[in-house]
């Protein structure tokens, strides 16, 4: 007899973690800058451009702030 697995049920004990990623609104704040060159996926850039337009800010600023918050979260 072949067993099937219900993919909608959790496997093992689950632990909830706090969401540490900032909201798009939190990414639209000013910071000091250092220029770098980076290649990102078209999907990521399209997402940030769309959200930046909704919040009347620049997509580069949102990406920069996302990276800053990530680095801060993981440097403690």
PDB file of N, CA and C in Angstrom:
ATOM      1  N   UNK A   1       0.838  -1.178   0.000  1.00  0.00           N
ATOM      2  CA  UNK A   1       0.000   0.000   0.000  1.00  0.00           C
ATOM      3  C   UNK A   1       0.890   1.251   0.000  1.00  0.00           C
ATOM      4  N   UNK A   2       0.625   2.151  -0.895  1.00  0.00           N
ATOM      5  CA  UNK A   2       1.407   3.379  -1.019  1.00  0.00           C
ATOM      6  C   UNK A   2       0.864   4.431  -0.049  1.00  0.00           C
ATOM      7  N   UNK A   3       1.782   5.045   0.749  1.00  0.00           N
ATOM      8  CA  UNK A   3       1.381   6.108   1.687  1.00  0.00           C
ATOM      9  C   UNK A   3       1.479   7.464   0.994  1.00  0.00           C
ATOM     10  N   UNK A   4       0.532   8.316   1.284  1.00  0.00           N
ATOM     11  CA  UNK A   4       0.590   9.681   0.756  1.00  0.00           C
ATOM     12  C   UNK A   4       0.832  10.637   1.915  1.00  0.00           C
ATOM     13  N   UNK A   5       1.471  11.721   1.627  1.00  0.00           N
ATOM     14  CA  UNK A   5       1.767  12.738   2.634  1.00  0.00           C
ATOM     15  C   UNK A   5       0.886  13.947   2.369  1.00  0.00           C
ATOM     16  N   UNK A   6       0.239  14.415   3.418  1.00  0.00           N
ATOM     17  CA  UNK A   6      -0.579  15.622   3.308  1.00  0.00           C
ATOM     18  C   UNK A   6       0.349  16.826   3.423  1.00  0.00           C
ATOM     19  N   UNK A   7       0.593  17.506   2.296  1.00  0.00           N
ATOM     20  CA  UNK A   7       1.530  18.627   2.279  1.00  0.00           C
ATOM     21  C   UNK A   7       0.980  19.870   2.966  1.00  0.00           C
ATOM     22  N   UNK A   8      -0.282  19.851   3.348  1.00  0.00           N
ATOM     23  CA  UNK A   8      -0.880  20.998   4.020  1.00  0.00           C
ATOM     24  C   UNK A   8      -0.729  20.940   5.537  1.00  0.00           C
ATOM     25  N   UNK A   9      -0.179  19.855   6.063  1.00  0.00           N
ATOM     26  CA  UNK A   9       0.015  19.711   7.503  1.00  0.00           C
ATOM     27  C   UNK A   9       1.492  19.922   7.826  1.00  0.00           C
ATOM     28  N   UNK A  10       1.780  20.586   8.971  1.00  0.00           N
ATOM     29  CA  UNK A  10       3.182  20.777   9.351  1.00  0.00           C
ATOM     30  C   UNK A  10       3.851  19.453   9.696  1.00  0.00           C
ATOM     31  N   UNK A  11       5.160  19.419   9.465  1.00  0.00           N
ATOM     32  CA  UNK A  11       5.941  18.235   9.798  1.00  0.00           C
ATOM     33  C   UNK A  11       6.792  18.575  11.012  1.00  0.00           C
ATOM     34  N   UNK A  12       6.564  17.919  12.128  1.00  0.00           N
ATOM     35  CA  UNK A  12       7.337  18.163  13.340  1.00  0.00           C
ATOM     36  C   UNK A  12       6.866  19.390  14.095  1.00  0.00           C
ATOM     37  N   UNK A  13       7.609  19.711  15.169  1.00  0.00           N
ATOM     38  CA  UNK A  13       7.278  20.846  16.023  1.00  0.00           C
ATOM     39  C   UNK A  13       7.644  22.149  15.315  1.00  0.00           C
ATOM     40  N   UNK A  14       6.758  23.128  15.392  1.00  0.00           N
ATOM     41  CA  UNK A  14       7.001  24.412  14.740  1.00  0.00           C
ATOM     42  C   UNK A  14       7.213  25.483  15.799  1.00  0.00           C
ATOM     43  N   UNK A  15       8.088  26.423  15.491  1.00  0.00           N
ATOM     44  CA  UNK A  15       8.348  27.549  16.370  1.00  0.00           C
ATOM     45  C   UNK A  15       8.168  28.825  15.577  1.00  0.00           C
ATOM     46  N   UNK A  16       7.346  29.716  16.090  1.00  0.00           N
ATOM     47  CA  UNK A  16       7.114  30.987  15.408  1.00  0.00           C
ATOM     48  C   UNK A  16       8.261  31.947  15.727  1.00  0.00           C
ATOM     49  N   UNK A  17       8.749  32.636  14.690  1.00  0.00           N
ATOM     50  CA  UNK A  17       9.790  33.638  14.888  1.00  0.00           C
ATOM     51  C   UNK A  17       9.231  34.995  14.494  1.00  0.00           C
ATOM     52  N   UNK A  18       9.757  36.038  15.107  1.00  0.00           N
ATOM     53  CA  UNK A  18       9.325  37.395  14.779  1.00  0.00           C
ATOM     54  C   UNK A  18       9.807  37.767  13.387  1.00  0.00           C
ATOM     55  N   UNK A  19       8.970  38.489  12.656  1.00  0.00           N
ATOM     56  CA  UNK A  19       9.343  38.966  11.333  1.00  0.00           C
ATOM     57  C   UNK A  19      10.285  40.146  11.517  1.00  0.00           C
ATOM     58  N   UNK A  20      11.539  40.001  11.083  1.00  0.00           N
ATOM     59  CA  UNK A  20      12.513  41.063  11.278  1.00  0.00           C
ATOM     60  C   UNK A  20      12.658  41.957  10.053  1.00  0.00           C
ATOM     61  N   UNK A  21      12.042  41.598   8.947  1.00  0.00           N
ATOM     62  CA  UNK A  21      12.155  42.419   7.748  1.00  0.00           C
ATOM     63  C   UNK A  21      11.244  43.644   7.854  1.00  0.00           C
ATOM     64  N   UNK A  22      11.726  44.798   7.420  1.00  0.00           N
ATOM     65  CA  UNK A  22      10.935  46.021   7.517  1.00  0.00           C
ATOM     66  C   UNK A  22       9.833  46.064   6.459  1.00  0.00           C
ATOM     67  N   UNK A  23       8.822  46.876   6.743  1.00  0.00           N
ATOM     68  CA  UNK A  23       7.759  47.105   5.767  1.00  0.00           C
ATOM     69  C   UNK A  23       8.300  48.045   4.686  1.00  0.00           C
ATOM     70  N   UNK A  24       7.659  48.108   3.521  1.00  0.00           N
ATOM     71  CA  UNK A  24       8.103  49.056   2.502  1.00  0.00           C
ATOM     72  C   UNK A  24       8.129  50.502   3.008  1.00  0.00           C
ATOM     73  N   UNK A  25       7.197  50.875   3.870  1.00  0.00           N
ATOM     74  CA  UNK A  25       7.164  52.231   4.413  1.00  0.00           C
ATOM     75  C   UNK A  25       8.411  52.530   5.246  1.00  0.00           C
ATOM     76  N   UNK A  26       8.906  51.537   5.965  1.00  0.00           N
ATOM     77  CA  UNK A  26      10.085  51.724   6.798  1.00  0.00           C
ATOM     78  C   UNK A  26      11.365  51.867   5.984  1.00  0.00           C
ATOM     79  N   UNK A  27      11.314  51.487   4.721  1.00  0.00           N
ATOM     80  CA  UNK A  27      12.497  51.546   3.868  1.00  0.00           C
ATOM     81  C   UNK A  27      12.691  52.919   3.221  1.00  0.00           C
ATOM     82  N   UNK A  28      11.741  53.818   3.383  1.00  0.00           N
ATOM     83  CA  UNK A  28      11.785  55.125   2.723  1.00  0.00           C
ATOM     84  C   UNK A  28      12.307  56.210   3.665  1.00  0.00           C
ATOM     85  N   UNK A  29      13.505  56.024   4.271  1.00  0.00           N
ATOM     86  CA  UNK A  29      14.099  57.012   5.169  1.00  0.00           C
ATOM     87  C   UNK A  29      15.504  57.375   4.684  1.00  0.00           C
ATOM     88  N   UNK A  30      15.982  58.608   4.940  1.00  0.00           N
ATOM     89  CA  UNK A  30      17.295  59.028   4.438  1.00  0.00           C
ATOM     90  C   UNK A  30      18.470  58.423   5.206  1.00  0.00           C
ATOM     91  N   UNK A  31      19.599  58.192   4.515  1.00  0.00           N
ATOM     92  CA  UNK A  31      20.824  57.627   5.104  1.00  0.00           C
ATOM     93  C   UNK A  31      22.042  58.150   4.351  1.00  0.00           C
ATOM     94  N   UNK A  32      23.252  58.040   4.970  1.00  0.00           N
ATOM     95  CA  UNK A  32      24.504  58.332   4.265  1.00  0.00           C
ATOM     96  C   UNK A  32      24.729  57.240   3.232  1.00  0.00           C
ATOM     97  N   UNK A  33      25.451  57.571   2.140  1.00  0.00           N
ATOM     98  CA  UNK A  33      25.570  56.624   1.031  1.00  0.00           C
ATOM     99  C   UNK A  33      27.023  56.377   0.623  1.00  0.00           C
ATOM    100  N   UNK A  34      27.301  55.151   0.175  1.00  0.00           N
ATOM    101  CA  UNK A  34      28.546  54.768  -0.479  1.00  0.00           C
ATOM    102  C   UNK A  34      28.136  54.064  -1.764  1.00  0.00           C
ATOM    103  N   UNK A  35      28.681  54.502  -2.891  1.00  0.00           N
ATOM    104  CA  UNK A  35      28.278  53.915  -4.177  1.00  0.00           C
ATOM    105  C   UNK A  35      28.908  52.547  -4.392  1.00  0.00           C
ATOM    106  N   UNK A  36      28.089  51.593  -4.854  1.00  0.00           N
ATOM    107  CA  UNK A  36      28.537  50.253  -5.223  1.00  0.00           C
ATOM    108  C   UNK A  36      27.814  49.856  -6.507  1.00  0.00           C
ATOM    109  N   UNK A  37      28.326  48.829  -7.160  1.00  0.00           N
ATOM    110  CA  UNK A  37      27.661  48.265  -8.328  1.00  0.00           C
ATOM    111  C   UNK A  37      27.180  46.870  -7.956  1.00  0.00           C
ATOM    112  N   UNK A  38      25.914  46.579  -8.256  1.00  0.00           N
ATOM    113  CA  UNK A  38      25.338  45.274  -7.917  1.00  0.00           C
ATOM    114  C   UNK A  38      24.350  44.878  -9.019  1.00  0.00           C
ATOM    115  N   UNK A  39      24.299  43.609  -9.327  1.00  0.00           N
ATOM    116  CA  UNK A  39      23.324  43.095 -10.290  1.00  0.00           C
ATOM    117  C   UNK A  39      22.207  42.410  -9.513  1.00  0.00           C
ATOM    118  N   UNK A  40      20.969  42.799  -9.787  1.00  0.00           N
ATOM    119  CA  UNK A  40      19.798  42.236  -9.115  1.00  0.00           C
ATOM    120  C   UNK A  40      18.839  41.676 -10.156  1.00  0.00           C
ATOM    121  N   UNK A  41      17.946  40.814  -9.719  1.00  0.00           N
ATOM    122  CA  UNK A  41      16.988  40.230 -10.661  1.00  0.00           C
ATOM    123  C   UNK A  41      15.978  41.287 -11.122  1.00  0.00           C
ATOM    124  N   UNK A  42      15.495  41.098 -12.318  1.00  0.00           N
ATOM    125  CA  UNK A  42      14.503  42.011 -12.876  1.00  0.00           C
ATOM    126  C   UNK A  42      13.238  42.035 -12.014  1.00  0.00           C
ATOM    127  N   UNK A  43      12.858  40.868 -11.470  1.00  0.00           N
ATOM    128  CA  UNK A  43      11.663  40.784 -10.629  1.00  0.00           C
ATOM    129  C   UNK A  43      11.815  41.636  -9.369  1.00  0.00           C
ATOM    130  N   UNK A  44      12.996  41.585  -8.749  1.00  0.00           N
ATOM    131  CA  UNK A  44      13.234  42.387  -7.542  1.00  0.00           C
ATOM    132  C   UNK A  44      13.165  43.875  -7.858  1.00  0.00           C
ATOM    133  N   UNK A  45      13.823  44.279  -8.930  1.00  0.00           N
ATOM    134  CA  UNK A  45      13.819  45.696  -9.298  1.00  0.00           C
ATOM    135  C   UNK A  45      12.406  46.166  -9.625  1.00  0.00           C
ATOM    136  N   UNK A  46      11.646  45.375 -10.363  1.00  0.00           N
ATOM    137  CA  UNK A  46      10.263  45.737 -10.686  1.00  0.00           C
ATOM    138  C   UNK A  46       9.430  45.900  -9.420  1.00  0.00           C
ATOM    139  N   UNK A  47       9.611  44.997  -8.448  1.00  0.00           N
ATOM    140  CA  UNK A  47       8.886  45.090  -7.178  1.00  0.00           C
ATOM    141  C   UNK A  47       9.212  46.411  -6.478  1.00  0.00           C
ATOM    142  N   UNK A  48      10.500  46.703  -6.309  1.00  0.00           N
ATOM    143  CA  UNK A  48      10.887  47.917  -5.594  1.00  0.00           C
ATOM    144  C   UNK A  48      10.468  49.180  -6.334  1.00  0.00           C
ATOM    145  N   UNK A  49      10.534  49.179  -7.651  1.00  0.00           N
ATOM    146  CA  UNK A  49      10.087  50.344  -8.418  1.00  0.00           C
ATOM    147  C   UNK A  49       8.592  50.586  -8.217  1.00  0.00           C
ATOM    148  N   UNK A  50       7.815  49.506  -8.232  1.00  0.00           N
ATOM    149  CA  UNK A  50       6.361  49.627  -8.064  1.00  0.00           C
ATOM    150  C   UNK A  50       6.015  50.166  -6.670  1.00  0.00           C
ATOM    151  N   UNK A  51       6.644  49.611  -5.640  1.00  0.00           N
ATOM    152  CA  UNK A  51       6.354  50.037  -4.267  1.00  0.00           C
ATOM    153  C   UNK A  51       6.868  51.458  -4.032  1.00  0.00           C
ATOM    154  N   UNK A  52       8.034  51.781  -4.566  1.00  0.00           N
ATOM    155  CA  UNK A  52       8.594  53.127  -4.409  1.00  0.00           C
ATOM    156  C   UNK A  52       7.672  54.176  -5.028  1.00  0.00           C
ATOM    157  N   UNK A  53       7.127  53.845  -6.184  1.00  0.00           N
ATOM    158  CA  UNK A  53       6.206  54.781  -6.845  1.00  0.00           C
ATOM    159  C   UNK A  53       4.972  55.031  -5.986  1.00  0.00           C
ATOM    160  N   UNK A  54       4.444  53.980  -5.364  1.00  0.00           N
ATOM    161  CA  UNK A  54       3.270  54.117  -4.485  1.00  0.00           C
ATOM    162  C   UNK A  54       3.562  55.013  -3.289  1.00  0.00           C
ATOM    163  N   UNK A  55       4.820  55.020  -2.827  1.00  0.00           N
ATOM    164  CA  UNK A  55       5.193  55.783  -1.625  1.00  0.00           C
ATOM    165  C   UNK A  55       5.977  57.052  -1.963  1.00  0.00           C
ATOM    166  N   UNK A  56       6.012  57.410  -3.246  1.00  0.00           N
ATOM    167  CA  UNK A  56       6.663  58.641  -3.703  1.00  0.00           C
ATOM    168  C   UNK A  56       8.104  58.738  -3.204  1.00  0.00           C
ATOM    169  N   UNK A  57       8.861  57.683  -3.418  1.00  0.00           N
ATOM    170  CA  UNK A  57      10.271  57.656  -3.046  1.00  0.00           C
ATOM    171  C   UNK A  57      11.052  56.948  -4.139  1.00  0.00           C
ATOM    172  N   UNK A  58      12.351  56.777  -3.931  1.00  0.00           N
ATOM    173  CA  UNK A  58      13.210  56.122  -4.922  1.00  0.00           C
ATOM    174  C   UNK A  58      13.439  54.667  -4.541  1.00  0.00           C
ATOM    175  N   UNK A  59      13.418  53.816  -5.553  1.00  0.00           N
ATOM    176  CA  UNK A  59      13.578  52.389  -5.278  1.00  0.00           C
ATOM    177  C   UNK A  59      14.960  52.063  -4.735  1.00  0.00           C
ATOM    178  N   UNK A  60      15.994  52.796  -5.165  1.00  0.00           N
ATOM    179  CA  UNK A  60      17.346  52.547  -4.655  1.00  0.00           C
ATOM    180  C   UNK A  60      17.417  52.780  -3.150  1.00  0.00           C
ATOM    181  N   UNK A  61      16.714  53.811  -2.690  1.00  0.00           N
ATOM    182  CA  UNK A  61      16.691  54.130  -1.262  1.00  0.00           C
ATOM    183  C   UNK A  61      16.038  52.989  -0.478  1.00  0.00           C
ATOM    184  N   UNK A  62      14.987  52.421  -1.019  1.00  0.00           N
ATOM    185  CA  UNK A  62      14.300  51.323  -0.334  1.00  0.00           C
ATOM    186  C   UNK A  62      15.200  50.091  -0.246  1.00  0.00           C
ATOM    187  N   UNK A  63      15.904  49.765  -1.330  1.00  0.00           N
ATOM    188  CA  UNK A  63      16.819  48.620  -1.319  1.00  0.00           C
ATOM    189  C   UNK A  63      17.941  48.856  -0.318  1.00  0.00           C
ATOM    190  N   UNK A  64      18.502  50.070  -0.327  1.00  0.00           N
ATOM    191  CA  UNK A  64      19.575  50.422   0.610  1.00  0.00           C
ATOM    192  C   UNK A  64      19.104  50.259   2.057  1.00  0.00           C
ATOM    193  N   UNK A  65      17.913  50.755   2.355  1.00  0.00           N
ATOM    194  CA  UNK A  65      17.389  50.662   3.717  1.00  0.00           C
ATOM    195  C   UNK A  65      17.091  49.216   4.123  1.00  0.00           C
ATOM    196  N   UNK A  66      16.638  48.408   3.183  1.00  0.00           N
ATOM    197  CA  UNK A  66      16.421  46.986   3.457  1.00  0.00           C
ATOM    198  C   UNK A  66      17.734  46.317   3.854  1.00  0.00           C
ATOM    199  N   UNK A  67      18.790  46.578   3.097  1.00  0.00           N
ATOM    200  CA  UNK A  67      20.095  45.995   3.401  1.00  0.00           C
ATOM    201  C   UNK A  67      20.632  46.495   4.738  1.00  0.00           C
ATOM    202  N   UNK A  68      20.447  47.790   5.027  1.00  0.00           N
ATOM    203  CA  UNK A  68      20.891  48.347   6.309  1.00  0.00           C
ATOM    204  C   UNK A  68      20.187  47.678   7.484  1.00  0.00           C
ATOM    205  N   UNK A  69      18.879  47.513   7.386  1.00  0.00           N
ATOM    206  CA  UNK A  69      18.121  46.892   8.478  1.00  0.00           C
ATOM    207  C   UNK A  69      18.494  45.420   8.646  1.00  0.00           C
ATOM    208  N   UNK A  70      18.728  44.730   7.549  1.00  0.00           N
ATOM    209  CA  UNK A  70      19.151  43.332   7.611  1.00  0.00           C
ATOM    210  C   UNK A  70      20.502  43.227   8.319  1.00  0.00           C
ATOM    211  N   UNK A  71      21.450  44.085   7.911  1.00  0.00           N
ATOM    212  CA  UNK A  71      22.782  44.067   8.513  1.00  0.00           C
ATOM    213  C   UNK A  71      22.706  44.409  10.005  1.00  0.00           C
ATOM    214  N   UNK A  72      21.908  45.376  10.370  1.00  0.00           N
ATOM    215  CA  UNK A  72      21.753  45.752  11.782  1.00  0.00           C
ATOM    216  C   UNK A  72      21.187  44.598  12.595  1.00  0.00           C
ATOM    217  N   UNK A  73      20.183  43.921  12.056  1.00  0.00           N
ATOM    218  CA  UNK A  73      19.546  42.799  12.748  1.00  0.00           C
ATOM    219  C   UNK A  73      20.543  41.674  13.029  1.00  0.00           C
ATOM    220  N   UNK A  74      21.458  41.456  12.099  1.00  0.00           N
ATOM    221  CA  UNK A  74      22.364  40.329  12.203  1.00  0.00           C
ATOM    222  C   UNK A  74      23.746  40.684  12.753  1.00  0.00           C
ATOM    223  N   UNK A  75      23.949  41.931  13.147  1.00  0.00           N
ATOM    224  CA  UNK A  75      25.254  42.295  13.690  1.00  0.00           C
ATOM    225  C   UNK A  75      25.263  42.347  15.207  1.00  0.00           C
ATOM    226  N   UNK A  76      24.206  41.908  15.839  1.00  0.00           N
ATOM    227  CA  UNK A  76      24.156  41.902  17.324  1.00  0.00           C
ATOM    228  C   UNK A  76      24.540  40.562  17.862  1.00  0.00           C
TER     229      UNK A  76
END
